[in-house]
Amino acid sequence: QVQLVESGGGLVQPGGSLRLSCAASGFTFSSYAMSWYRQAPGKERELVAVITSAGSSANYADSMKGRFTISRDNAKNTVYLQMNSLKPEDTAVYYCKVNRYGVNYWGKGTLVTVSS
């Protein structure tokens, strides 16, 4: 079955960086676009970034442009989110997602806390 396992979250100071990973299994990873979402306390889940199946194109939410970079390694069945210049408002649980045949599959998320 589809499994998505996020890792790499933690506590970081404002202005710092983190790299999140999402290891995928149970489907042909290289055939699907992958997305990162996040959910801050008391807020709805929001799209962070999406990358095409081959990794040739990516799109970002406006507030993340220039600070976050999504990438993937299809040989490792892994999608990454490099986050730079982190701000306290980036504090959230970060999830990766794949949509297969109209069904969304989510990982359990990894918590990112940006605080001094």
C-alpha atoms as a PDB file:
ATOM      1  CA  GLN A   1       0.000   0.000   0.000  1.00  0.00           C
ATOM      2  CA  VAL A   2       1.002   3.633  -0.389  1.00  0.00           C
ATOM      3  CA  GLN A   3       3.245   4.875   2.385  1.00  0.00           C
ATOM      4  CA  LEU A   4       4.720   8.328   2.824  1.00  0.00           C
ATOM      5  CA  VAL A   5       7.101   8.952   5.695  1.00  0.00           C
ATOM      6  CA  GLU A   6       8.295  12.470   6.427  1.00  0.00           C
ATOM      7  CA  SER A   7      11.421  13.291   8.397  1.00  0.00           C
ATOM      8  CA  GLY A   8      13.796  16.145   9.092  1.00  0.00           C
ATOM      9  CA  GLY A   9      11.649  18.415  11.198  1.00  0.00           C
ATOM     10  CA  GLY A  10      12.790  19.993  14.431  1.00  0.00           C
ATOM     11  CA  LEU A  11      13.472  23.217  16.271  1.00  0.00           C
ATOM     12  CA  VAL A  12      15.326  25.917  14.366  1.00  0.00           C
ATOM     13  CA  GLN A  13      16.034  29.576  15.058  1.00  0.00           C
ATOM     14  CA  PRO A  14      14.588  32.313  12.863  1.00  0.00           C
ATOM     15  CA  GLY A  15      16.718  32.719   9.770  1.00  0.00           C
ATOM     16  CA  GLY A  16      17.843  29.117   9.907  1.00  0.00           C
ATOM     17  CA  SER A  17      17.405  26.243   7.471  1.00  0.00           C
ATOM     18  CA  LEU A  18      15.984  22.752   7.464  1.00  0.00           C
ATOM     19  CA  ARG A  19      15.702  20.024   4.862  1.00  0.00           C
ATOM     20  CA  LEU A  20      12.671  17.792   5.015  1.00  0.00           C
ATOM     21  CA  SER A  21      12.488  14.395   3.352  1.00  0.00           C
ATOM     22  CA  CYS A  22       9.551  12.238   2.377  1.00  0.00           C
ATOM     23  CA  ALA A  23      10.250   8.595   1.611  1.00  0.00           C
ATOM     24  CA  ALA A  24       7.611   6.985  -0.578  1.00  0.00           C
ATOM     25  CA  SER A  25       6.717   3.349  -1.179  1.00  0.00           C
ATOM     26  CA  GLY A  26       3.874   1.242  -2.512  1.00  0.00           C
ATOM     27  CA  PHE A  27       3.519   2.961  -5.864  1.00  0.00           C
ATOM     28  CA  THR A  28       5.567   3.934  -8.916  1.00  0.00           C
ATOM     29  CA  PHE A  29       7.055   7.082  -7.446  1.00  0.00           C
ATOM     30  CA  SER A  30       8.501   8.413 -10.698  1.00  0.00           C
ATOM     31  CA  SER A  31       5.068   8.494 -12.317  1.00  0.00           C
ATOM     32  CA  TYR A  32       3.440  10.975  -9.956  1.00  0.00           C
ATOM     33  CA  ALA A  33       3.690  14.603  -9.004  1.00  0.00           C
ATOM     34  CA  MET A  34       4.411  15.116  -5.332  1.00  0.00           C
ATOM     35  CA  SER A  35       3.391  17.915  -3.017  1.00  0.00           C
ATOM     36  CA  TRP A  36       4.317  19.362   0.335  1.00  0.00           C
ATOM     37  CA  TYR A  37       1.636  20.902   2.540  1.00  0.00           C
ATOM     38  CA  ARG A  38       1.732  22.372   5.992  1.00  0.00           C
ATOM     39  CA  GLN A  39      -0.698  22.981   8.812  1.00  0.00           C
ATOM     40  CA  ALA A  40      -0.041  25.541  11.509  1.00  0.00           C
ATOM     41  CA  PRO A  41      -1.802  25.367  14.874  1.00  0.00           C
ATOM     42  CA  GLY A  42      -5.391  26.522  14.521  1.00  0.00           C
ATOM     43  CA  LYS A  43      -5.133  26.935  10.774  1.00  0.00           C
ATOM     44  CA  GLU A  44      -6.158  24.983   7.722  1.00  0.00           C
ATOM     45  CA  ARG A  45      -3.714  22.843   5.805  1.00  0.00           C
ATOM     46  CA  GLU A  46      -2.121  24.786   2.963  1.00  0.00           C
ATOM     47  CA  LEU A  47      -0.115  23.933  -0.122  1.00  0.00           C
ATOM     48  CA  VAL A  48       3.595  24.677   0.114  1.00  0.00           C
ATOM     49  CA  ALA A  49       4.984  23.340  -3.154  1.00  0.00           C
ATOM     50  CA  VAL A  50       4.401  20.790  -5.873  1.00  0.00           C
ATOM     51  CA  ILE A  51       6.849  19.112  -8.233  1.00  0.00           C
ATOM     52  CA  THR A  52       6.194  17.221 -11.441  1.00  0.00           C
ATOM     53  CA  SER A  53       6.868  13.510 -11.764  1.00  0.00           C
ATOM     54  CA  ALA A  54      10.192  14.014 -13.540  1.00  0.00           C
ATOM     55  CA  GLY A  55      11.189  16.909 -11.322  1.00  0.00           C
ATOM     56  CA  SER A  56      11.401  19.269 -14.260  1.00  0.00           C
ATOM     57  CA  SER A  57       8.979  21.837 -12.915  1.00  0.00           C
ATOM     58  CA  ALA A  58       7.829  23.082  -9.527  1.00  0.00           C
ATOM     59  CA  ASN A  59       5.370  25.587  -8.171  1.00  0.00           C
ATOM     60  CA  TYR A  60       5.254  27.315  -4.816  1.00  0.00           C
ATOM     61  CA  ALA A  61       2.853  29.210  -2.638  1.00  0.00           C
ATOM     62  CA  ASP A  62       3.633  32.903  -2.807  1.00  0.00           C
ATOM     63  CA  SER A  63       4.865  33.139   0.785  1.00  0.00           C
ATOM     64  CA  MET A  64       7.446  30.397   0.170  1.00  0.00           C
ATOM     65  CA  LYS A  65       8.838  31.555  -3.170  1.00  0.00           C
ATOM     66  CA  GLY A  66      12.535  32.291  -2.981  1.00  0.00           C
ATOM     67  CA  ARG A  67      12.905  30.617   0.419  1.00  0.00           C
ATOM     68  CA  PHE A  68      11.771  27.023  -0.147  1.00  0.00           C
ATOM     69  CA  THR A  69      12.903  24.566  -2.802  1.00  0.00           C
ATOM     70  CA  ILE A  70      11.187  21.291  -3.602  1.00  0.00           C
ATOM     71  CA  SER A  71      13.171  18.540  -5.299  1.00  0.00           C
ATOM     72  CA  ARG A  72      13.036  14.816  -5.788  1.00  0.00           C
ATOM     73  CA  ASP A  73      15.256  11.817  -6.349  1.00  0.00           C
ATOM     74  CA  ASN A  74      13.312   9.225  -8.288  1.00  0.00           C
ATOM     75  CA  ALA A  75      16.060   6.657  -7.785  1.00  0.00           C
ATOM     76  CA  LYS A  76      15.528   6.953  -4.027  1.00  0.00           C
ATOM     77  CA  ASN A  77      11.741   7.401  -4.117  1.00  0.00           C
ATOM     78  CA  THR A  78      12.177  10.532  -2.053  1.00  0.00           C
ATOM     79  CA  VAL A  79      10.953  14.097  -2.274  1.00  0.00           C
ATOM     80  CA  TYR A  80      12.667  16.896  -0.397  1.00  0.00           C
ATOM     81  CA  LEU A  81      11.820  20.363   0.847  1.00  0.00           C
ATOM     82  CA  GLN A  82      14.746  22.682   1.475  1.00  0.00           C
ATOM     83  CA  MET A  83      13.629  25.546   3.686  1.00  0.00           C
ATOM     84  CA  ASN A  84      15.815  28.612   4.131  1.00  0.00           C
ATOM     85  CA  SER A  85      15.349  31.934   5.908  1.00  0.00           C
ATOM     86  CA  LEU A  86      12.795  30.362   8.180  1.00  0.00           C
ATOM     87  CA  LYS A  87      10.363  32.569  10.051  1.00  0.00           C
ATOM     88  CA  PRO A  88       8.291  31.919  13.170  1.00  0.00           C
ATOM     89  CA  GLU A  89       5.199  31.840  10.962  1.00  0.00           C
ATOM     90  CA  ASP A  90       6.657  28.813   9.167  1.00  0.00           C
ATOM     91  CA  THR A  91       6.019  26.791  12.327  1.00  0.00           C
ATOM     92  CA  ALA A  92       3.738  23.941  11.325  1.00  0.00           C
ATOM     93  CA  VAL A  93       3.432  20.246  10.717  1.00  0.00           C
ATOM     94  CA  TYR A  94       4.675  19.552   7.202  1.00  0.00           C
ATOM     95  CA  TYR A  95       3.116  16.767   5.153  1.00  0.00           C
ATOM     96  CA  CYS A  96       3.873  15.221   1.811  1.00  0.00           C
ATOM     97  CA  LYS A  97       1.083  14.084  -0.437  1.00  0.00           C
ATOM     98  CA  VAL A  98       0.511  12.093  -3.591  1.00  0.00           C
ATOM     99  CA  ASN A  99      -2.695  11.887  -5.559  1.00  0.00           C
ATOM    100  CA  ARG A 100      -3.285   8.584  -7.311  1.00  0.00           C
ATOM    101  CA  TYR A 101      -6.429   8.004  -9.337  1.00  0.00           C
ATOM    102  CA  GLY A 102      -8.178  10.838  -7.541  1.00  0.00           C
ATOM    103  CA  VAL A 103      -7.278   9.659  -4.043  1.00  0.00           C
ATOM    104  CA  ASN A 104      -5.000  11.723  -1.811  1.00  0.00           C
ATOM    105  CA  TYR A 105      -2.454   9.862   0.279  1.00  0.00           C
ATOM    106  CA  TRP A 106      -0.748  11.667   3.150  1.00  0.00           C
ATOM    107  CA  GLY A 107       2.128  10.998   5.437  1.00  0.00           C
ATOM    108  CA  LYS A 108       1.853  11.555   9.175  1.00  0.00           C
ATOM    109  CA  GLY A 109       3.846  14.752   9.002  1.00  0.00           C
ATOM    110  CA  THR A 110       6.938  16.194  10.602  1.00  0.00           C
ATOM    111  CA  LEU A 111       6.874  19.147  12.994  1.00  0.00           C
ATOM    112  CA  VAL A 112       8.896  22.244  12.237  1.00  0.00           C
ATOM    113  CA  THR A 113       9.205  24.809  15.007  1.00  0.00           C
ATOM    114  CA  VAL A 114      10.866  28.141  14.284  1.00  0.00           C
ATOM    115  CA  SER A 115      11.664  29.920  17.513  1.00  0.00           C
ATOM    116  CA  SER A 116      14.493  31.637  19.310  1.00  0.00           C
END
